[in-house]
């Protein structure tokens, strides 16, 4: 399994809206098409953490392919009022907001 973690900014008052948007999106076939196995959203002091697990390390490739799907475009547009880039000056794509894993342990 491969994981990605996106870090951004979010007003804590938006938690319900963001959760609803993803609940609707995850109710479609899009997570399956992207190879998403699990999604978890976290908030901490104005920060937003989006943990996404994939079946393999091809998650980024699947997301790139899905970016033109109207459902992906729609969820991205729906999230814009609530999610702000961590560093707007350097953000060009979700890849610019992904944390780098520097340690991993499995039992």
PDB file of N, CA and C in Angstrom:
ATOM      1  N   UNK A   1       0.844  -1.175   0.000  1.00  0.00           N
ATOM      2  CA  UNK A   1       0.000   0.000   0.000  1.00  0.00           C
ATOM      3  C   UNK A   1       0.889   1.237   0.000  1.00  0.00           C
ATOM      4  N   UNK A   2       0.457   2.273  -0.693  1.00  0.00           N
ATOM      5  CA  UNK A   2       1.176   3.535  -0.806  1.00  0.00           C
ATOM      6  C   UNK A   2       0.294   4.646  -0.235  1.00  0.00           C
ATOM      7  N   UNK A   3       0.883   5.575   0.492  1.00  0.00           N
ATOM      8  CA  UNK A   3       0.129   6.674   1.094  1.00  0.00           C
ATOM      9  C   UNK A   3       0.651   8.016   0.617  1.00  0.00           C
ATOM     10  N   UNK A   4      -0.258   8.979   0.533  1.00  0.00           N
ATOM     11  CA  UNK A   4       0.121  10.368   0.306  1.00  0.00           C
ATOM     12  C   UNK A   4      -0.533  11.212   1.383  1.00  0.00           C
ATOM     13  N   UNK A   5       0.117  12.301   1.746  1.00  0.00           N
ATOM     14  CA  UNK A   5      -0.417  13.218   2.739  1.00  0.00           C
ATOM     15  C   UNK A   5      -0.332  14.629   2.177  1.00  0.00           C
ATOM     16  N   UNK A   6      -1.477  15.239   1.979  1.00  0.00           N
ATOM     17  CA  UNK A   6      -1.549  16.613   1.483  1.00  0.00           C
ATOM     18  C   UNK A   6      -1.773  17.523   2.688  1.00  0.00           C
ATOM     19  N   UNK A   7      -1.008  18.609   2.735  1.00  0.00           N
ATOM     20  CA  UNK A   7      -1.108  19.587   3.806  1.00  0.00           C
ATOM     21  C   UNK A   7      -1.572  20.909   3.204  1.00  0.00           C
ATOM     22  N   UNK A   8      -2.584  21.503   3.811  1.00  0.00           N
ATOM     23  CA  UNK A   8      -3.107  22.780   3.333  1.00  0.00           C
ATOM     24  C   UNK A   8      -3.650  23.554   4.537  1.00  0.00           C
ATOM     25  N   UNK A   9      -4.301  24.652   4.259  1.00  0.00           N
ATOM     26  CA  UNK A   9      -4.924  25.461   5.312  1.00  0.00           C
ATOM     27  C   UNK A   9      -6.441  25.363   5.165  1.00  0.00           C
ATOM     28  N   UNK A  10      -7.117  25.355   6.321  1.00  0.00           N
ATOM     29  CA  UNK A  10      -8.567  25.264   6.318  1.00  0.00           C
ATOM     30  C   UNK A  10      -9.104  25.914   7.586  1.00  0.00           C
ATOM     31  N   UNK A  11     -10.134  26.713   7.449  1.00  0.00           N
ATOM     32  CA  UNK A  11     -10.819  27.278   8.603  1.00  0.00           C
ATOM     33  C   UNK A  11     -11.512  26.124   9.320  1.00  0.00           C
ATOM     34  N   UNK A  12     -11.278  25.950  10.622  1.00  0.00           N
ATOM     35  CA  UNK A  12     -11.913  24.841  11.343  1.00  0.00           C
ATOM     36  C   UNK A  12     -13.446  24.828  11.232  1.00  0.00           C
ATOM     37  N   UNK A  13     -14.052  25.966  10.974  1.00  0.00           N
ATOM     38  CA  UNK A  13     -15.509  26.025  10.805  1.00  0.00           C
ATOM     39  C   UNK A  13     -15.964  25.308   9.538  1.00  0.00           C
ATOM     40  N   UNK A  14     -15.033  24.983   8.642  1.00  0.00           N
ATOM     41  CA  UNK A  14     -15.365  24.337   7.372  1.00  0.00           C
ATOM     42  C   UNK A  14     -15.333  22.814   7.424  1.00  0.00           C
ATOM     43  N   UNK A  15     -15.006  22.254   8.560  1.00  0.00           N
ATOM     44  CA  UNK A  15     -14.854  20.798   8.677  1.00  0.00           C
ATOM     45  C   UNK A  15     -16.079  20.047   8.149  1.00  0.00           C
ATOM     46  N   UNK A  16     -17.256  20.455   8.536  1.00  0.00           N
ATOM     47  CA  UNK A  16     -18.475  19.772   8.103  1.00  0.00           C
ATOM     48  C   UNK A  16     -18.678  19.833   6.596  1.00  0.00           C
ATOM     49  N   UNK A  17     -18.424  21.003   6.015  1.00  0.00           N
ATOM     50  CA  UNK A  17     -18.576  21.162   4.563  1.00  0.00           C
ATOM     51  C   UNK A  17     -17.596  20.274   3.809  1.00  0.00           C
ATOM     52  N   UNK A  18     -16.343  20.273   4.244  1.00  0.00           N
ATOM     53  CA  UNK A  18     -15.317  19.477   3.565  1.00  0.00           C
ATOM     54  C   UNK A  18     -15.624  17.986   3.700  1.00  0.00           C
ATOM     55  N   UNK A  19     -16.030  17.559   4.886  1.00  0.00           N
ATOM     56  CA  UNK A  19     -16.386  16.146   5.087  1.00  0.00           C
ATOM     57  C   UNK A  19     -17.554  15.747   4.184  1.00  0.00           C
ATOM     58  N   UNK A  20     -18.550  16.609   4.064  1.00  0.00           N
ATOM     59  CA  UNK A  20     -19.709  16.313   3.210  1.00  0.00           C
ATOM     60  C   UNK A  20     -19.297  16.188   1.749  1.00  0.00           C
ATOM     61  N   UNK A  21     -18.450  17.096   1.286  1.00  0.00           N
ATOM     62  CA  UNK A  21     -17.998  17.067  -0.108  1.00  0.00           C
ATOM     63  C   UNK A  21     -17.289  15.744  -0.401  1.00  0.00           C
ATOM     64  N   UNK A  22     -16.400  15.339   0.502  1.00  0.00           N
ATOM     65  CA  UNK A  22     -15.688  14.079   0.272  1.00  0.00           C
ATOM     66  C   UNK A  22     -16.609  12.871   0.437  1.00  0.00           C
ATOM     67  N   UNK A  23     -17.561  12.941   1.333  1.00  0.00           N
ATOM     68  CA  UNK A  23     -18.492  11.820   1.490  1.00  0.00           C
ATOM     69  C   UNK A  23     -19.267  11.597   0.185  1.00  0.00           C
ATOM     70  N   UNK A  24     -19.709  12.679  -0.436  1.00  0.00           N
ATOM     71  CA  UNK A  24     -20.423  12.559  -1.710  1.00  0.00           C
ATOM     72  C   UNK A  24     -19.496  12.025  -2.809  1.00  0.00           C
ATOM     73  N   UNK A  25     -18.276  12.551  -2.878  1.00  0.00           N
ATOM     74  CA  UNK A  25     -17.310  12.110  -3.883  1.00  0.00           C
ATOM     75  C   UNK A  25     -16.953  10.639  -3.691  1.00  0.00           C
ATOM     76  N   UNK A  26     -16.723  10.247  -2.443  1.00  0.00           N
ATOM     77  CA  UNK A  26     -16.335   8.864  -2.162  1.00  0.00           C
ATOM     78  C   UNK A  26     -17.488   7.884  -2.363  1.00  0.00           C
ATOM     79  N   UNK A  27     -18.707   8.394  -2.491  1.00  0.00           N
ATOM     80  CA  UNK A  27     -19.860   7.550  -2.786  1.00  0.00           C
ATOM     81  C   UNK A  27     -19.985   7.222  -4.266  1.00  0.00           C
ATOM     82  N   UNK A  28     -19.114   7.821  -5.084  1.00  0.00           N
ATOM     83  CA  UNK A  28     -19.113   7.543  -6.521  1.00  0.00           C
ATOM     84  C   UNK A  28     -18.053   6.474  -6.814  1.00  0.00           C
ATOM     85  N   UNK A  29     -17.873   6.165  -8.079  1.00  0.00           N
ATOM     86  CA  UNK A  29     -16.850   5.191  -8.464  1.00  0.00           C
ATOM     87  C   UNK A  29     -15.452   5.804  -8.563  1.00  0.00           C
ATOM     88  N   UNK A  30     -15.350   7.121  -8.361  1.00  0.00           N
ATOM     89  CA  UNK A  30     -14.064   7.798  -8.542  1.00  0.00           C
ATOM     90  C   UNK A  30     -12.950   7.254  -7.644  1.00  0.00           C
ATOM     91  N   UNK A  31     -13.167   7.020  -6.362  1.00  0.00           N
ATOM     92  CA  UNK A  31     -12.061   6.471  -5.568  1.00  0.00           C
ATOM     93  C   UNK A  31     -11.530   5.157  -6.150  1.00  0.00           C
ATOM     94  N   UNK A  32     -12.435   4.313  -6.616  1.00  0.00           N
ATOM     95  CA  UNK A  32     -12.021   3.042  -7.217  1.00  0.00           C
ATOM     96  C   UNK A  32     -11.185   3.284  -8.482  1.00  0.00           C
ATOM     97  N   UNK A  33     -11.635   4.220  -9.324  1.00  0.00           N
ATOM     98  CA  UNK A  33     -10.911   4.515 -10.562  1.00  0.00           C
ATOM     99  C   UNK A  33      -9.517   5.072 -10.275  1.00  0.00           C
ATOM    100  N   UNK A  34      -9.378   5.779  -9.162  1.00  0.00           N
ATOM    101  CA  UNK A  34      -8.089   6.376  -8.800  1.00  0.00           C
ATOM    102  C   UNK A  34      -7.221   5.411  -7.997  1.00  0.00           C
ATOM    103  N   UNK A  35      -7.766   4.244  -7.659  1.00  0.00           N
ATOM    104  CA  UNK A  35      -6.996   3.286  -6.868  1.00  0.00           C
ATOM    105  C   UNK A  35      -6.964   3.616  -5.389  1.00  0.00           C
ATOM    106  N   UNK A  36      -7.868   4.491  -4.946  1.00  0.00           N
ATOM    107  CA  UNK A  36      -7.906   4.889  -3.540  1.00  0.00           C
ATOM    108  C   UNK A  36      -8.464   3.754  -2.692  1.00  0.00           C
ATOM    109  N   UNK A  37      -7.725   3.410  -1.693  1.00  0.00           N
ATOM    110  CA  UNK A  37      -8.136   2.352  -0.782  1.00  0.00           C
ATOM    111  C   UNK A  37      -8.772   2.937   0.485  1.00  0.00           C
ATOM    112  N   UNK A  38      -8.229   4.087   0.920  1.00  0.00           N
ATOM    113  CA  UNK A  38      -8.738   4.719   2.141  1.00  0.00           C
ATOM    114  C   UNK A  38      -8.402   6.206   2.085  1.00  0.00           C
ATOM    115  N   UNK A  39      -9.297   7.010   2.657  1.00  0.00           N
ATOM    116  CA  UNK A  39      -9.071   8.455   2.763  1.00  0.00           C
ATOM    117  C   UNK A  39      -9.381   8.858   4.202  1.00  0.00           C
ATOM    118  N   UNK A  40      -8.500   9.648   4.784  1.00  0.00           N
ATOM    119  CA  UNK A  40      -8.741  10.196   6.109  1.00  0.00           C
ATOM    120  C   UNK A  40      -8.398  11.673   6.071  1.00  0.00           C
ATOM    121  N   UNK A  41      -9.259  12.475   6.683  1.00  0.00           N
ATOM    122  CA  UNK A  41      -9.050  13.917   6.751  1.00  0.00           C
ATOM    123  C   UNK A  41      -8.840  14.308   8.206  1.00  0.00           C
ATOM    124  N   UNK A  42      -7.862  15.196   8.434  1.00  0.00           N
ATOM    125  CA  UNK A  42      -7.551  15.660   9.775  1.00  0.00           C
ATOM    126  C   UNK A  42      -7.460  17.181   9.761  1.00  0.00           C
ATOM    127  N   UNK A  43      -7.772  17.780  10.899  1.00  0.00           N
ATOM    128  CA  UNK A  43      -7.621  19.225  11.063  1.00  0.00           C
ATOM    129  C   UNK A  43      -6.865  19.484  12.366  1.00  0.00           C
ATOM    130  N   UNK A  44      -5.987  20.485  12.304  1.00  0.00           N
ATOM    131  CA  UNK A  44      -5.243  20.871  13.496  1.00  0.00           C
ATOM    132  C   UNK A  44      -4.862  22.344  13.386  1.00  0.00           C
ATOM    133  N   UNK A  45      -5.462  23.162  14.218  1.00  0.00           N
ATOM    134  CA  UNK A  45      -5.117  24.585  14.329  1.00  0.00           C
ATOM    135  C   UNK A  45      -5.021  25.295  12.978  1.00  0.00           C
ATOM    136  N   UNK A  46      -6.063  25.147  12.189  1.00  0.00           N
ATOM    137  CA  UNK A  46      -6.102  25.824  10.901  1.00  0.00           C
ATOM    138  C   UNK A  46      -5.394  25.093   9.772  1.00  0.00           C
ATOM    139  N   UNK A  47      -4.858  23.908  10.076  1.00  0.00           N
ATOM    140  CA  UNK A  47      -4.227  23.103   9.037  1.00  0.00           C
ATOM    141  C   UNK A  47      -5.143  21.943   8.658  1.00  0.00           C
ATOM    142  N   UNK A  48      -5.029  21.519   7.437  1.00  0.00           N
ATOM    143  CA  UNK A  48      -5.821  20.429   6.857  1.00  0.00           C
ATOM    144  C   UNK A  48      -4.841  19.361   6.401  1.00  0.00           C
ATOM    145  N   UNK A  49      -5.110  18.127   6.786  1.00  0.00           N
ATOM    146  CA  UNK A  49      -4.276  16.992   6.397  1.00  0.00           C
ATOM    147  C   UNK A  49      -5.167  15.971   5.703  1.00  0.00           C
ATOM    148  N   UNK A  50      -4.787  15.592   4.512  1.00  0.00           N
ATOM    149  CA  UNK A  50      -5.569  14.664   3.693  1.00  0.00           C
ATOM    150  C   UNK A  50      -4.690  13.444   3.431  1.00  0.00           C
ATOM    151  N   UNK A  51      -4.959  12.380   4.167  1.00  0.00           N
ATOM    152  CA  UNK A  51      -4.213  11.132   4.030  1.00  0.00           C
ATOM    153  C   UNK A  51      -4.981  10.217   3.093  1.00  0.00           C
ATOM    154  N   UNK A  52      -4.305   9.771   2.051  1.00  0.00           N
ATOM    155  CA  UNK A  52      -4.947   8.908   1.064  1.00  0.00           C
ATOM    156  C   UNK A  52      -4.054   7.697   0.843  1.00  0.00           C
ATOM    157  N   UNK A  53      -4.651   6.515   0.966  1.00  0.00           N
ATOM    158  CA  UNK A  53      -3.927   5.264   0.761  1.00  0.00           C
ATOM    159  C   UNK A  53      -4.369   4.652  -0.565  1.00  0.00           C
ATOM    160  N   UNK A  54      -3.375   4.112  -1.271  1.00  0.00           N
ATOM    161  CA  UNK A  54      -3.600   3.488  -2.574  1.00  0.00           C
ATOM    162  C   UNK A  54      -3.141   2.041  -2.528  1.00  0.00           C
ATOM    163  N   UNK A  55      -3.660   1.249  -3.446  1.00  0.00           N
ATOM    164  CA  UNK A  55      -3.265  -0.156  -3.533  1.00  0.00           C
ATOM    165  C   UNK A  55      -1.790  -0.312  -3.868  1.00  0.00           C
ATOM    166  N   UNK A  56      -1.244   0.639  -4.639  1.00  0.00           N
ATOM    167  CA  UNK A  56       0.157   0.545  -5.054  1.00  0.00           C
ATOM    168  C   UNK A  56       0.723   1.949  -5.183  1.00  0.00           C
ATOM    169  N   UNK A  57       1.943   2.067  -5.625  1.00  0.00           N
ATOM    170  CA  UNK A  57       2.589   3.373  -5.722  1.00  0.00           C
ATOM    171  C   UNK A  57       2.227   4.126  -7.005  1.00  0.00           C
ATOM    172  N   UNK A  58       1.182   3.703  -7.667  1.00  0.00           N
ATOM    173  CA  UNK A  58       0.725   4.356  -8.891  1.00  0.00           C
ATOM    174  C   UNK A  58      -0.395   5.362  -8.632  1.00  0.00           C
ATOM    175  N   UNK A  59      -0.671   5.667  -7.356  1.00  0.00           N
ATOM    176  CA  UNK A  59      -1.750   6.591  -7.020  1.00  0.00           C
ATOM    177  C   UNK A  59      -1.626   7.926  -7.728  1.00  0.00           C
ATOM    178  N   UNK A  60      -0.420   8.465  -7.768  1.00  0.00           N
ATOM    179  CA  UNK A  60      -0.224   9.743  -8.447  1.00  0.00           C
ATOM    180  C   UNK A  60      -0.565   9.674  -9.926  1.00  0.00           C
ATOM    181  N   UNK A  61      -0.206   8.577 -10.566  1.00  0.00           N
ATOM    182  CA  UNK A  61      -0.517   8.396 -11.995  1.00  0.00           C
ATOM    183  C   UNK A  61      -2.020   8.297 -12.200  1.00  0.00           C
ATOM    184  N   UNK A  62      -2.700   7.548 -11.323  1.00  0.00           N
ATOM    185  CA  UNK A  62      -4.154   7.411 -11.438  1.00  0.00           C
ATOM    186  C   UNK A  62      -4.848   8.759 -11.231  1.00  0.00           C
ATOM    187  N   UNK A  63      -4.360   9.536 -10.283  1.00  0.00           N
ATOM    188  CA  UNK A  63      -4.959  10.850 -10.043  1.00  0.00           C
ATOM    189  C   UNK A  63      -4.742  11.751 -11.247  1.00  0.00           C
ATOM    190  N   UNK A  64      -3.550  11.726 -11.821  1.00  0.00           N
ATOM    191  CA  UNK A  64      -3.289  12.524 -13.025  1.00  0.00           C
ATOM    192  C   UNK A  64      -4.276  12.165 -14.130  1.00  0.00           C
ATOM    193  N   UNK A  65      -4.565  10.878 -14.286  1.00  0.00           N
ATOM    194  CA  UNK A  65      -5.506  10.434 -15.313  1.00  0.00           C
ATOM    195  C   UNK A  65      -6.929  10.878 -14.981  1.00  0.00           C
ATOM    196  N   UNK A  66      -7.260  10.941 -13.691  1.00  0.00           N
ATOM    197  CA  UNK A  66      -8.615  11.281 -13.265  1.00  0.00           C
ATOM    198  C   UNK A  66      -8.883  12.785 -13.283  1.00  0.00           C
ATOM    199  N   UNK A  67      -7.836  13.599 -13.346  1.00  0.00           N
ATOM    200  CA  UNK A  67      -7.989  15.050 -13.223  1.00  0.00           C
ATOM    201  C   UNK A  67      -8.923  15.668 -14.254  1.00  0.00           C
ATOM    202  N   UNK A  68      -9.130  15.024 -15.379  1.00  0.00           N
ATOM    203  CA  UNK A  68     -10.017  15.578 -16.398  1.00  0.00           C
ATOM    204  C   UNK A  68     -11.448  15.055 -16.274  1.00  0.00           C
ATOM    205  N   UNK A  69     -11.656  14.083 -15.395  1.00  0.00           N
ATOM    206  CA  UNK A  69     -13.011  13.554 -15.186  1.00  0.00           C
ATOM    207  C   UNK A  69     -13.873  14.661 -14.562  1.00  0.00           C
ATOM    208  N   UNK A  70     -15.080  14.875 -15.082  1.00  0.00           N
ATOM    209  CA  UNK A  70     -15.937  15.942 -14.548  1.00  0.00           C
ATOM    210  C   UNK A  70     -16.186  15.832 -13.036  1.00  0.00           C
ATOM    211  N   UNK A  71     -16.219  14.619 -12.501  1.00  0.00           N
ATOM    212  CA  UNK A  71     -16.437  14.448 -11.055  1.00  0.00           C
ATOM    213  C   UNK A  71     -15.229  14.929 -10.258  1.00  0.00           C
ATOM    214  N   UNK A  72     -14.032  14.696 -10.781  1.00  0.00           N
ATOM    215  CA  UNK A  72     -12.816  15.169 -10.119  1.00  0.00           C
ATOM    216  C   UNK A  72     -12.746  16.691 -10.187  1.00  0.00           C
ATOM    217  N   UNK A  73     -13.062  17.241 -11.361  1.00  0.00           N
ATOM    218  CA  UNK A  73     -13.073  18.694 -11.538  1.00  0.00           C
ATOM    219  C   UNK A  73     -14.083  19.316 -10.570  1.00  0.00           C
ATOM    220  N   UNK A  74     -15.249  18.687 -10.448  1.00  0.00           N
ATOM    221  CA  UNK A  74     -16.305  19.217  -9.584  1.00  0.00           C
ATOM    222  C   UNK A  74     -15.885  19.204  -8.116  1.00  0.00           C
ATOM    223  N   UNK A  75     -15.306  18.100  -7.639  1.00  0.00           N
ATOM    224  CA  UNK A  75     -14.913  18.050  -6.228  1.00  0.00           C
ATOM    225  C   UNK A  75     -13.814  19.075  -5.960  1.00  0.00           C
ATOM    226  N   UNK A  76     -12.920  19.261  -6.900  1.00  0.00           N
ATOM    227  CA  UNK A  76     -11.870  20.274  -6.742  1.00  0.00           C
ATOM    228  C   UNK A  76     -12.484  21.667  -6.645  1.00  0.00           C
ATOM    229  N   UNK A  77     -13.441  21.963  -7.502  1.00  0.00           N
ATOM    230  CA  UNK A  77     -14.118  23.261  -7.467  1.00  0.00           C
ATOM    231  C   UNK A  77     -14.908  23.441  -6.172  1.00  0.00           C
ATOM    232  N   UNK A  78     -15.578  22.377  -5.731  1.00  0.00           N
ATOM    233  CA  UNK A  78     -16.372  22.450  -4.500  1.00  0.00           C
ATOM    234  C   UNK A  78     -15.504  22.720  -3.275  1.00  0.00           C
ATOM    235  N   UNK A  79     -14.264  22.249  -3.292  1.00  0.00           N
ATOM    236  CA  UNK A  79     -13.366  22.419  -2.142  1.00  0.00           C
ATOM    237  C   UNK A  79     -12.678  23.781  -2.109  1.00  0.00           C
ATOM    238  N   UNK A  80     -12.616  24.469  -3.238  1.00  0.00           N
ATOM    239  CA  UNK A  80     -11.875  25.735  -3.323  1.00  0.00           C
ATOM    240  C   UNK A  80     -12.268  26.765  -2.264  1.00  0.00           C
ATOM    241  N   UNK A  81     -13.554  26.926  -1.938  1.00  0.00           N
ATOM    242  CA  UNK A  81     -13.886  27.927  -0.914  1.00  0.00           C
ATOM    243  C   UNK A  81     -13.394  27.551   0.490  1.00  0.00           C
ATOM    244  N   UNK A  82     -13.024  26.292   0.690  1.00  0.00           N
ATOM    245  CA  UNK A  82     -12.707  25.817   2.032  1.00  0.00           C
ATOM    246  C   UNK A  82     -11.237  25.475   2.252  1.00  0.00           C
ATOM    247  N   UNK A  83     -10.543  25.050   1.207  1.00  0.00           N
ATOM    248  CA  UNK A  83      -9.156  24.599   1.325  1.00  0.00           C
ATOM    249  C   UNK A  83      -8.257  25.601   0.618  1.00  0.00           C
ATOM    250  N   UNK A  84      -7.232  26.055   1.317  1.00  0.00           N
ATOM    251  CA  UNK A  84      -6.281  27.023   0.765  1.00  0.00           C
ATOM    252  C   UNK A  84      -4.886  26.399   0.767  1.00  0.00           C
ATOM    253  N   UNK A  85      -4.119  26.669  -0.254  1.00  0.00           N
ATOM    254  CA  UNK A  85      -2.755  26.138  -0.323  1.00  0.00           C
ATOM    255  C   UNK A  85      -1.969  26.550   0.918  1.00  0.00           C
ATOM    256  N   UNK A  86      -1.140  25.661   1.393  1.00  0.00           N
ATOM    257  CA  UNK A  86      -0.291  25.980   2.540  1.00  0.00           C
ATOM    258  C   UNK A  86       0.623  27.146   2.198  1.00  0.00           C
ATOM    259  N   UNK A  87       1.196  27.116   1.014  1.00  0.00           N
ATOM    260  CA  UNK A  87       2.057  28.199   0.534  1.00  0.00           C
ATOM    261  C   UNK A  87       1.587  28.582  -0.865  1.00  0.00           C
ATOM    262  N   UNK A  88       0.669  29.543  -0.962  1.00  0.00           N
ATOM    263  CA  UNK A  88       0.125  29.912  -2.274  1.00  0.00           C
ATOM    264  C   UNK A  88       1.183  30.361  -3.282  1.00  0.00           C
ATOM    265  N   UNK A  89       2.306  30.868  -2.812  1.00  0.00           N
ATOM    266  CA  UNK A  89       3.341  31.353  -3.723  1.00  0.00           C
ATOM    267  C   UNK A  89       4.017  30.231  -4.493  1.00  0.00           C
ATOM    268  N   UNK A  90       4.011  29.016  -3.941  1.00  0.00           N
ATOM    269  CA  UNK A  90       4.707  27.905  -4.608  1.00  0.00           C
ATOM    270  C   UNK A  90       3.754  26.828  -5.112  1.00  0.00           C
ATOM    271  N   UNK A  91       2.458  26.944  -4.832  1.00  0.00           N
ATOM    272  CA  UNK A  91       1.509  25.894  -5.197  1.00  0.00           C
ATOM    273  C   UNK A  91       1.132  25.975  -6.672  1.00  0.00           C
ATOM    274  N   UNK A  92       1.312  24.843  -7.377  1.00  0.00           N
ATOM    275  CA  UNK A  92       0.886  24.720  -8.771  1.00  0.00           C
ATOM    276  C   UNK A  92      -0.032  23.521  -8.955  1.00  0.00           C
ATOM    277  N   UNK A  93       0.137  22.501  -8.124  1.00  0.00           N
ATOM    278  CA  UNK A  93      -0.684  21.295  -8.213  1.00  0.00           C
ATOM    279  C   UNK A  93      -0.667  20.617  -6.839  1.00  0.00           C
ATOM    280  N   UNK A  94      -1.536  19.620  -6.610  1.00  0.00           N
ATOM    281  CA  UNK A  94      -1.529  18.922  -5.329  1.00  0.00           C
ATOM    282  C   UNK A  94      -0.156  18.352  -4.951  1.00  0.00           C
ATOM    283  N   UNK A  95       0.657  18.039  -5.940  1.00  0.00           N
ATOM    284  CA  UNK A  95       1.992  17.506  -5.643  1.00  0.00           C
ATOM    285  C   UNK A  95       2.823  18.506  -4.840  1.00  0.00           C
ATOM    286  N   UNK A  96       2.551  19.803  -5.003  1.00  0.00           N
ATOM    287  CA  UNK A  96       3.285  20.831  -4.271  1.00  0.00           C
ATOM    288  C   UNK A  96       2.854  20.929  -2.811  1.00  0.00           C
ATOM    289  N   UNK A  97       1.806  20.208  -2.446  1.00  0.00           N
ATOM    290  CA  UNK A  97       1.309  20.241  -1.076  1.00  0.00           C
ATOM    291  C   UNK A  97       1.516  18.901  -0.365  1.00  0.00           C
ATOM    292  N   UNK A  98       2.191  17.962  -1.017  1.00  0.00           N
ATOM    293  CA  UNK A  98       2.370  16.631  -0.432  1.00  0.00           C
ATOM    294  C   UNK A  98       3.572  16.591   0.488  1.00  0.00           C
ATOM    295  N   UNK A  99       3.316  16.055   1.666  1.00  0.00           N
ATOM    296  CA  UNK A  99       4.397  15.882   2.635  1.00  0.00           C
ATOM    297  C   UNK A  99       5.304  14.751   2.169  1.00  0.00           C
ATOM    298  N   UNK A 100       6.538  14.788   2.613  1.00  0.00           N
ATOM    299  CA  UNK A 100       7.508  13.763   2.273  1.00  0.00           C
ATOM    300  C   UNK A 100       7.659  12.794   3.433  1.00  0.00           C
ATOM    301  N   UNK A 101       7.407  11.534   3.186  1.00  0.00           N
ATOM    302  CA  UNK A 101       7.592  10.528   4.231  1.00  0.00           C
ATOM    303  C   UNK A 101       9.081  10.331   4.470  1.00  0.00           C
ATOM    304  N   UNK A 102       9.470  10.364   5.727  1.00  0.00           N
ATOM    305  CA  UNK A 102      10.879  10.142   6.030  1.00  0.00           C
ATOM    306  C   UNK A 102      11.102   8.983   6.987  1.00  0.00           C
ATOM    307  N   UNK A 103       9.998   8.317   7.410  1.00  0.00           N
ATOM    308  CA  UNK A 103      10.123   7.127   8.236  1.00  0.00           C
ATOM    309  C   UNK A 103       8.834   6.330   8.106  1.00  0.00           C
ATOM    310  N   UNK A 104       8.968   5.018   8.089  1.00  0.00           N
ATOM    311  CA  UNK A 104       7.797   4.130   8.008  1.00  0.00           C
ATOM    312  C   UNK A 104       8.111   2.849   8.769  1.00  0.00           C
ATOM    313  N   UNK A 105       7.131   2.346   9.484  1.00  0.00           N
ATOM    314  CA  UNK A 105       7.259   1.090  10.198  1.00  0.00           C
ATOM    315  C   UNK A 105       5.969   0.295  10.024  1.00  0.00           C
ATOM    316  N   UNK A 106       6.081  -0.992   9.805  1.00  0.00           N
ATOM    317  CA  UNK A 106       4.952  -1.921   9.732  1.00  0.00           C
ATOM    318  C   UNK A 106       5.200  -3.062  10.697  1.00  0.00           C
ATOM    319  N   UNK A 107       4.129  -3.595  11.239  1.00  0.00           N
ATOM    320  CA  UNK A 107       4.304  -4.769  12.112  1.00  0.00           C
ATOM    321  C   UNK A 107       4.315  -6.033  11.293  1.00  0.00           C
TER     322      UNK A 107
END
